[in-house]
Amino acid sequence: MDIEQLKYDLKVMIIQECEKEDIVPEDIRDDLELFSDEIGLELDSLDALQISMGLQKKYSVRLGDSKEFRRKVTTIQKLAEFIKESND
């Protein structure tokens, strides 16, 4: 699994799951905290749940509650690494 393609696919999934039609994948930096104001996504706990369900559906990755998700998966880079490790 190519990590760069995985990161791009994750950005697309986040945009779709959280209905952020005004954002394109290229707008999302790999190293910024997903739930920070700096990234500009304005994600909340409901979005965390949506992303978690999307990850489970697309990558068979299961994270507990949204708080656990937000603790483990802080950036696109870390999310991609987590998925890659989970699927190896």
C-alpha atoms as a PDB file:
ATOM      1  CA  MET A   1       0.000   0.000   0.000  1.00  0.00           C
ATOM      2  CA  ASP A   2       1.516   3.306  -1.139  1.00  0.00           C
ATOM      3  CA  ILE A   3       1.517   5.759   1.786  1.00  0.00           C
ATOM      4  CA  GLU A   4       1.129   8.860  -0.408  1.00  0.00           C
ATOM      5  CA  GLN A   5      -1.922   7.408  -2.169  1.00  0.00           C
ATOM      6  CA  LEU A   6      -3.321   6.303   1.177  1.00  0.00           C
ATOM      7  CA  LYS A   7      -2.963   9.840   2.581  1.00  0.00           C
ATOM      8  CA  TYR A   8      -4.736  11.282  -0.456  1.00  0.00           C
ATOM      9  CA  ASP A   9      -7.529   8.687  -0.201  1.00  0.00           C
ATOM     10  CA  LEU A  10      -7.937   9.481   3.507  1.00  0.00           C
ATOM     11  CA  LYS A  11      -8.320  13.176   2.754  1.00  0.00           C
ATOM     12  CA  VAL A  12     -10.996  12.399   0.162  1.00  0.00           C
ATOM     13  CA  MET A  13     -12.793  10.130   2.625  1.00  0.00           C
ATOM     14  CA  ILE A  14     -12.710  12.764   5.388  1.00  0.00           C
ATOM     15  CA  ILE A  15     -14.086  15.414   3.023  1.00  0.00           C
ATOM     16  CA  GLN A  16     -16.906  13.086   1.948  1.00  0.00           C
ATOM     17  CA  GLU A  17     -17.750  11.678   5.390  1.00  0.00           C
ATOM     18  CA  CYS A  18     -17.815  15.135   6.994  1.00  0.00           C
ATOM     19  CA  GLU A  19     -19.547  16.813   4.046  1.00  0.00           C
ATOM     20  CA  LYS A  20     -16.851  19.477   3.602  1.00  0.00           C
ATOM     21  CA  GLU A  21     -17.581  20.201  -0.072  1.00  0.00           C
ATOM     22  CA  ASP A  22     -15.725  23.529   0.021  1.00  0.00           C
ATOM     23  CA  ILE A  23     -12.388  21.782   0.733  1.00  0.00           C
ATOM     24  CA  VAL A  24     -10.206  19.787  -1.677  1.00  0.00           C
ATOM     25  CA  PRO A  25      -7.639  17.147  -0.611  1.00  0.00           C
ATOM     26  CA  GLU A  26      -4.769  19.465  -1.509  1.00  0.00           C
ATOM     27  CA  ASP A  27      -6.012  21.924   1.153  1.00  0.00           C
ATOM     28  CA  ILE A  28      -5.330  19.420   3.942  1.00  0.00           C
ATOM     29  CA  ARG A  29      -1.758  19.247   5.200  1.00  0.00           C
ATOM     30  CA  ASP A  30      -0.420  15.877   6.342  1.00  0.00           C
ATOM     31  CA  ASP A  31       1.245  17.253   9.464  1.00  0.00           C
ATOM     32  CA  LEU A  32      -1.498  19.430  10.966  1.00  0.00           C
ATOM     33  CA  GLU A  33      -3.771  18.260  13.773  1.00  0.00           C
ATOM     34  CA  LEU A  34      -7.082  17.173  12.238  1.00  0.00           C
ATOM     35  CA  PHE A  35      -9.094  18.626  15.109  1.00  0.00           C
ATOM     36  CA  SER A  36      -7.252  21.949  15.347  1.00  0.00           C
ATOM     37  CA  ASP A  37      -8.389  25.346  14.120  1.00  0.00           C
ATOM     38  CA  GLU A  38      -5.173  25.626  12.093  1.00  0.00           C
ATOM     39  CA  ILE A  39      -6.167  22.911   9.605  1.00  0.00           C
ATOM     40  CA  GLY A  40      -9.407  24.699   8.730  1.00  0.00           C
ATOM     41  CA  LEU A  41     -11.689  21.651   8.651  1.00  0.00           C
ATOM     42  CA  GLU A  42     -13.746  22.645  11.701  1.00  0.00           C
ATOM     43  CA  LEU A  43     -14.158  19.006  12.774  1.00  0.00           C
ATOM     44  CA  ASP A  44     -16.073  18.081  15.916  1.00  0.00           C
ATOM     45  CA  SER A  45     -16.897  14.895  17.805  1.00  0.00           C
ATOM     46  CA  LEU A  46     -19.671  13.996  15.354  1.00  0.00           C
ATOM     47  CA  ASP A  47     -17.149  14.278  12.509  1.00  0.00           C
ATOM     48  CA  ALA A  48     -14.787  12.026  14.470  1.00  0.00           C
ATOM     49  CA  LEU A  49     -17.537   9.430  14.629  1.00  0.00           C
ATOM     50  CA  GLN A  50     -18.236   9.773  10.887  1.00  0.00           C
ATOM     51  CA  ILE A  51     -14.529   9.403  10.071  1.00  0.00           C
ATOM     52  CA  SER A  52     -14.222   6.422  12.411  1.00  0.00           C
ATOM     53  CA  MET A  53     -17.160   4.689  10.692  1.00  0.00           C
ATOM     54  CA  GLY A  54     -15.670   5.484   7.275  1.00  0.00           C
ATOM     55  CA  LEU A  55     -12.339   3.963   8.327  1.00  0.00           C
ATOM     56  CA  GLN A  56     -14.081   0.845   9.538  1.00  0.00           C
ATOM     57  CA  LYS A  57     -16.039   0.503   6.305  1.00  0.00           C
ATOM     58  CA  LYS A  58     -13.192   1.259   3.881  1.00  0.00           C
ATOM     59  CA  TYR A  59     -10.115  -0.072   5.687  1.00  0.00           C
ATOM     60  CA  SER A  60     -11.563  -2.508   8.263  1.00  0.00           C
ATOM     61  CA  VAL A  61      -9.911  -0.416  10.979  1.00  0.00           C
ATOM     62  CA  ARG A  62     -11.777  -0.187  14.227  1.00  0.00           C
ATOM     63  CA  LEU A  63     -11.201   2.554  16.757  1.00  0.00           C
ATOM     64  CA  GLY A  64     -13.174   2.832  19.961  1.00  0.00           C
ATOM     65  CA  ASP A  65     -15.057   5.971  20.801  1.00  0.00           C
ATOM     66  CA  SER A  66     -14.469   9.398  19.283  1.00  0.00           C
ATOM     67  CA  LYS A  67     -12.237  10.451  22.194  1.00  0.00           C
ATOM     68  CA  GLU A  68      -9.951   7.462  21.610  1.00  0.00           C
ATOM     69  CA  PHE A  69      -9.947   8.249  17.892  1.00  0.00           C
ATOM     70  CA  ARG A  70      -8.944  11.862  18.540  1.00  0.00           C
ATOM     71  CA  ARG A  71      -6.135  10.741  20.883  1.00  0.00           C
ATOM     72  CA  LYS A  72      -4.632   8.155  18.506  1.00  0.00           C
ATOM     73  CA  VAL A  73      -5.190   9.808  15.160  1.00  0.00           C
ATOM     74  CA  THR A  74      -4.010  13.373  15.290  1.00  0.00           C
ATOM     75  CA  THR A  75      -2.781  14.003  11.718  1.00  0.00           C
ATOM     76  CA  ILE A  76      -3.258  12.544   8.238  1.00  0.00           C
ATOM     77  CA  GLN A  77       0.309  11.208   8.469  1.00  0.00           C
ATOM     78  CA  LYS A  78      -0.379   9.379  11.737  1.00  0.00           C
ATOM     79  CA  LEU A  79      -3.708   8.095  10.465  1.00  0.00           C
ATOM     80  CA  ALA A  80      -2.061   6.676   7.330  1.00  0.00           C
ATOM     81  CA  GLU A  81       0.673   5.038   9.426  1.00  0.00           C
ATOM     82  CA  PHE A  82      -1.944   3.556  11.757  1.00  0.00           C
ATOM     83  CA  ILE A  83      -3.917   2.065   8.846  1.00  0.00           C
ATOM     84  CA  LYS A  84      -0.787   0.760   7.150  1.00  0.00           C
ATOM     85  CA  GLU A  85       0.337  -0.959  10.370  1.00  0.00           C
ATOM     86  CA  SER A  86      -3.148  -2.362  10.973  1.00  0.00           C
ATOM     87  CA  ASN A  87      -3.312  -3.878   7.494  1.00  0.00           C
ATOM     88  CA  ASP A  88       0.222  -5.332   7.372  1.00  0.00           C
END
